[in-house]
Amino acid sequence: MPSNIINLNVEQEAHEHPCKLTPKQEMTIRLRNDYNKKACLRRAIEFHKVAYKHRVKEYVEIAERIELQEEILLDYEYSRILKREFYV
């Protein structure tokens, strides 16, 4: 979350208040804000990586289950056809 100190400093400069920040202090505050934003984005990226891996794992499991069920169904249908031909 960006700091309100910069905004406060602009207000103080407009009113010629004696407690205004130096350019170095402003730069330091902006740098800290950027560090915080970078950390927040890094956490978001890591979270999405984990969620992505979880979804891919689930997708692979379901795809394998579908293949197995299709195989079983085809084998069942094939065996029914053979039984019908055998008894006819």
N, C-alpha and C. Protein backbone atom coordinates (compact mmCIF):
# COMPACT_ATOMS: atom_id res chain seq x y z
N MET A 1 0.85 -1.17 0.00
CA MET A 1 0.00 0.00 0.00
C MET A 1 0.89 1.23 0.00
N PRO A 2 0.70 2.16 -0.91
CA PRO A 2 1.55 3.35 -0.99
C PRO A 2 1.43 4.22 0.26
N SER A 3 2.53 4.88 0.52
CA SER A 3 2.58 5.72 1.72
C SER A 3 1.86 7.05 1.49
N ASN A 4 1.19 7.52 2.53
CA ASN A 4 0.52 8.82 2.47
C ASN A 4 1.47 9.95 2.83
N ILE A 5 2.69 9.60 3.22
CA ILE A 5 3.65 10.62 3.64
C ILE A 5 4.00 11.54 2.47
N ILE A 6 4.11 10.97 1.27
CA ILE A 6 4.43 11.78 0.09
C ILE A 6 3.32 12.80 -0.13
N ASN A 7 2.08 12.36 -0.05
CA ASN A 7 0.95 13.28 -0.23
C ASN A 7 0.95 14.36 0.85
N LEU A 8 1.24 13.97 2.06
CA LEU A 8 1.30 14.92 3.16
C LEU A 8 2.41 15.94 2.93
N ASN A 9 3.53 15.47 2.41
CA ASN A 9 4.65 16.36 2.13
C ASN A 9 4.27 17.40 1.08
N VAL A 10 3.53 17.00 0.06
CA VAL A 10 3.10 17.93 -0.98
C VAL A 10 2.19 19.00 -0.37
N GLU A 11 1.31 18.56 0.52
CA GLU A 11 0.41 19.51 1.19
C GLU A 11 1.22 20.50 2.05
N GLN A 12 2.23 19.98 2.75
CA GLN A 12 3.04 20.84 3.61
C GLN A 12 3.84 21.84 2.79
N GLU A 13 4.34 21.40 1.64
CA GLU A 13 5.08 22.31 0.77
C GLU A 13 4.16 23.43 0.26
N ALA A 14 2.93 23.06 -0.07
CA ALA A 14 1.98 24.05 -0.57
C ALA A 14 1.69 25.13 0.47
N HIS A 15 1.71 24.73 1.73
CA HIS A 15 1.44 25.69 2.82
C HIS A 15 2.73 26.24 3.42
N GLU A 16 3.86 25.92 2.78
CA GLU A 16 5.18 26.35 3.25
C GLU A 16 5.42 25.99 4.71
N HIS A 17 5.09 24.74 5.02
CA HIS A 17 5.27 24.23 6.38
C HIS A 17 6.75 23.89 6.58
N PRO A 18 7.31 24.12 7.78
CA PRO A 18 8.74 23.87 7.99
C PRO A 18 9.11 22.38 8.02
N CYS A 19 8.13 21.49 8.19
CA CYS A 19 8.41 20.05 8.32
C CYS A 19 8.24 19.32 7.01
N LYS A 20 8.87 19.75 5.95
CA LYS A 20 8.73 19.03 4.70
C LYS A 20 9.91 18.07 4.51
N LEU A 21 9.69 17.05 3.71
CA LEU A 21 10.71 16.03 3.48
C LEU A 21 11.75 16.50 2.47
N THR A 22 12.96 15.99 2.67
CA THR A 22 14.01 16.28 1.69
C THR A 22 13.79 15.35 0.49
N PRO A 23 14.38 15.68 -0.65
CA PRO A 23 14.25 14.79 -1.82
C PRO A 23 14.75 13.37 -1.52
N LYS A 24 15.81 13.25 -0.72
CA LYS A 24 16.33 11.93 -0.38
C LYS A 24 15.32 11.15 0.46
N GLN A 25 14.64 11.81 1.39
CA GLN A 25 13.62 11.14 2.19
C GLN A 25 12.45 10.69 1.32
N GLU A 26 12.05 11.54 0.38
CA GLU A 26 10.96 11.17 -0.53
C GLU A 26 11.34 9.94 -1.34
N MET A 27 12.59 9.95 -1.86
CA MET A 27 13.05 8.81 -2.66
C MET A 27 13.08 7.54 -1.81
N THR A 28 13.51 7.65 -0.56
CA THR A 28 13.55 6.50 0.33
C THR A 28 12.15 5.94 0.56
N ILE A 29 11.19 6.82 0.75
CA ILE A 29 9.80 6.38 0.96
C ILE A 29 9.26 5.69 -0.29
N ARG A 30 9.54 6.26 -1.46
CA ARG A 30 9.10 5.63 -2.71
C ARG A 30 9.75 4.25 -2.89
N LEU A 31 11.03 4.16 -2.52
CA LEU A 31 11.75 2.90 -2.63
C LEU A 31 11.12 1.85 -1.72
N ARG A 32 10.79 2.23 -0.49
CA ARG A 32 10.15 1.28 0.43
C ARG A 32 8.78 0.85 -0.09
N ASN A 33 8.04 1.79 -0.67
CA ASN A 33 6.74 1.43 -1.25
C ASN A 33 6.93 0.41 -2.38
N ASP A 34 7.95 0.63 -3.20
CA ASP A 34 8.21 -0.31 -4.30
C ASP A 34 8.63 -1.68 -3.77
N TYR A 35 9.44 -1.71 -2.70
CA TYR A 35 9.81 -2.98 -2.08
C TYR A 35 8.57 -3.73 -1.60
N ASN A 36 7.66 -3.00 -0.97
CA ASN A 36 6.43 -3.63 -0.47
C ASN A 36 5.59 -4.17 -1.62
N LYS A 37 5.48 -3.40 -2.68
CA LYS A 37 4.69 -3.83 -3.84
C LYS A 37 5.33 -5.05 -4.49
N LYS A 38 6.66 -5.04 -4.58
CA LYS A 38 7.37 -6.17 -5.17
C LYS A 38 7.13 -7.44 -4.36
N ALA A 39 7.20 -7.33 -3.03
CA ALA A 39 6.96 -8.49 -2.16
C ALA A 39 5.54 -9.01 -2.32
N CYS A 40 4.59 -8.09 -2.41
CA CYS A 40 3.19 -8.48 -2.59
C CYS A 40 3.00 -9.22 -3.91
N LEU A 41 3.60 -8.70 -4.97
CA LEU A 41 3.49 -9.35 -6.28
C LEU A 41 4.17 -10.71 -6.28
N ARG A 42 5.29 -10.83 -5.60
CA ARG A 42 5.99 -12.11 -5.53
C ARG A 42 5.11 -13.15 -4.84
N ARG A 43 4.46 -12.75 -3.74
CA ARG A 43 3.57 -13.68 -3.04
C ARG A 43 2.41 -14.10 -3.94
N ALA A 44 1.87 -13.15 -4.69
CA ALA A 44 0.76 -13.46 -5.61
C ALA A 44 1.21 -14.45 -6.68
N ILE A 45 2.39 -14.23 -7.22
CA ILE A 45 2.92 -15.12 -8.26
C ILE A 45 3.11 -16.52 -7.70
N GLU A 46 3.68 -16.64 -6.50
CA GLU A 46 3.89 -17.95 -5.89
C GLU A 46 2.56 -18.65 -5.64
N PHE A 47 1.56 -17.89 -5.18
CA PHE A 47 0.25 -18.48 -4.94
C PHE A 47 -0.33 -19.03 -6.24
N HIS A 48 -0.22 -18.26 -7.31
CA HIS A 48 -0.79 -18.71 -8.57
C HIS A 48 -0.03 -19.89 -9.15
N LYS A 49 1.28 -19.98 -8.87
CA LYS A 49 2.04 -21.15 -9.31
C LYS A 49 1.50 -22.40 -8.62
N VAL A 50 1.28 -22.30 -7.31
CA VAL A 50 0.78 -23.44 -6.55
C VAL A 50 -0.61 -23.83 -7.04
N ALA A 51 -1.47 -22.83 -7.23
CA ALA A 51 -2.82 -23.12 -7.72
C ALA A 51 -2.77 -23.74 -9.11
N TYR A 52 -1.88 -23.26 -9.97
CA TYR A 52 -1.75 -23.80 -11.32
C TYR A 52 -1.30 -25.26 -11.26
N LYS A 53 -0.30 -25.53 -10.43
CA LYS A 53 0.18 -26.91 -10.32
C LYS A 53 -0.92 -27.83 -9.81
N HIS A 54 -1.70 -27.34 -8.85
CA HIS A 54 -2.80 -28.13 -8.31
C HIS A 54 -3.83 -28.43 -9.39
N ARG A 55 -4.17 -27.43 -10.20
CA ARG A 55 -5.15 -27.62 -11.28
C ARG A 55 -4.63 -28.59 -12.33
N VAL A 56 -3.35 -28.48 -12.65
CA VAL A 56 -2.77 -29.38 -13.66
C VAL A 56 -2.79 -30.81 -13.13
N LYS A 57 -2.45 -30.98 -11.86
CA LYS A 57 -2.46 -32.32 -11.26
C LYS A 57 -3.87 -32.90 -11.30
N GLU A 58 -4.86 -32.09 -10.95
CA GLU A 58 -6.25 -32.55 -10.98
C GLU A 58 -6.68 -32.89 -12.41
N TYR A 59 -6.28 -32.06 -13.36
CA TYR A 59 -6.61 -32.29 -14.76
C TYR A 59 -6.04 -33.63 -15.24
N VAL A 60 -4.78 -33.89 -14.90
CA VAL A 60 -4.13 -35.14 -15.32
C VAL A 60 -4.85 -36.34 -14.70
N GLU A 61 -5.21 -36.23 -13.42
CA GLU A 61 -5.92 -37.33 -12.77
C GLU A 61 -7.26 -37.61 -13.45
N ILE A 62 -7.99 -36.56 -13.77
CA ILE A 62 -9.29 -36.74 -14.42
C ILE A 62 -9.11 -37.31 -15.83
N ALA A 63 -8.12 -36.82 -16.56
CA ALA A 63 -7.87 -37.33 -17.91
C ALA A 63 -7.52 -38.82 -17.87
N GLU A 64 -6.71 -39.23 -16.89
CA GLU A 64 -6.36 -40.65 -16.76
C GLU A 64 -7.59 -41.48 -16.40
N ARG A 65 -8.43 -40.94 -15.52
CA ARG A 65 -9.65 -41.64 -15.13
C ARG A 65 -10.58 -41.81 -16.33
N ILE A 66 -10.68 -40.78 -17.16
CA ILE A 66 -11.53 -40.86 -18.36
C ILE A 66 -11.00 -41.94 -19.30
N GLU A 67 -9.69 -41.96 -19.51
CA GLU A 67 -9.11 -42.97 -20.39
C GLU A 67 -9.39 -44.38 -19.88
N LEU A 68 -9.24 -44.56 -18.56
CA LEU A 68 -9.48 -45.87 -17.96
C LEU A 68 -10.95 -46.26 -18.12
N GLN A 69 -11.85 -45.33 -17.88
CA GLN A 69 -13.27 -45.62 -18.02
C GLN A 69 -13.63 -45.93 -19.47
N GLU A 70 -13.04 -45.21 -20.41
CA GLU A 70 -13.30 -45.49 -21.83
C GLU A 70 -12.80 -46.88 -22.20
N GLU A 71 -11.62 -47.23 -21.68
CA GLU A 71 -11.07 -48.56 -21.95
C GLU A 71 -11.99 -49.65 -21.41
N ILE A 72 -12.43 -49.47 -20.17
CA ILE A 72 -13.33 -50.46 -19.56
C ILE A 72 -14.61 -50.56 -20.36
N LEU A 73 -15.15 -49.43 -20.75
CA LEU A 73 -16.40 -49.43 -21.52
C LEU A 73 -16.21 -50.11 -22.87
N LEU A 74 -15.10 -49.83 -23.54
CA LEU A 74 -14.85 -50.47 -24.83
C LEU A 74 -14.65 -51.97 -24.67
N ASP A 75 -13.91 -52.37 -23.62
CA ASP A 75 -13.72 -53.80 -23.37
C ASP A 75 -15.05 -54.48 -23.08
N TYR A 76 -15.90 -53.81 -22.33
CA TYR A 76 -17.22 -54.36 -21.99
C TYR A 76 -18.06 -54.52 -23.26
N GLU A 77 -18.06 -53.48 -24.09
CA GLU A 77 -18.83 -53.54 -25.34
C GLU A 77 -18.26 -54.63 -26.25
N TYR A 78 -16.95 -54.73 -26.32
CA TYR A 78 -16.31 -55.72 -27.17
C TYR A 78 -16.65 -57.13 -26.70
N SER A 79 -16.62 -57.32 -25.38
CA SER A 79 -16.94 -58.65 -24.85
C SER A 79 -18.41 -58.99 -25.09
N ARG A 80 -19.31 -58.01 -25.03
CA ARG A 80 -20.73 -58.27 -25.32
C ARG A 80 -20.90 -58.68 -26.78
N ILE A 81 -20.18 -58.01 -27.66
CA ILE A 81 -20.28 -58.35 -29.09
C ILE A 81 -19.78 -59.77 -29.33
N LEU A 82 -18.66 -60.12 -28.69
CA LEU A 82 -18.11 -61.48 -28.86
C LEU A 82 -19.07 -62.53 -28.33
N LYS A 83 -19.69 -62.25 -27.19
CA LYS A 83 -20.63 -63.21 -26.62
C LYS A 83 -21.84 -63.39 -27.55
N ARG A 84 -22.32 -62.29 -28.12
CA ARG A 84 -23.45 -62.36 -29.02
C ARG A 84 -23.10 -63.19 -30.26
N GLU A 85 -21.89 -62.94 -30.80
CA GLU A 85 -21.48 -63.68 -32.00
C GLU A 85 -21.26 -65.15 -31.68
N PHE A 86 -20.78 -65.43 -30.47
CA PHE A 86 -20.50 -66.80 -30.09
C PHE A 86 -21.80 -67.61 -29.94
N TYR A 87 -22.81 -66.97 -29.36
CA TYR A 87 -24.08 -67.67 -29.14
C TYR A 87 -24.99 -67.68 -30.34
N VAL A 88 -24.69 -66.90 -31.34
CA VAL A 88 -25.57 -66.85 -32.51
C VAL A 88 -25.27 -67.96 -33.47
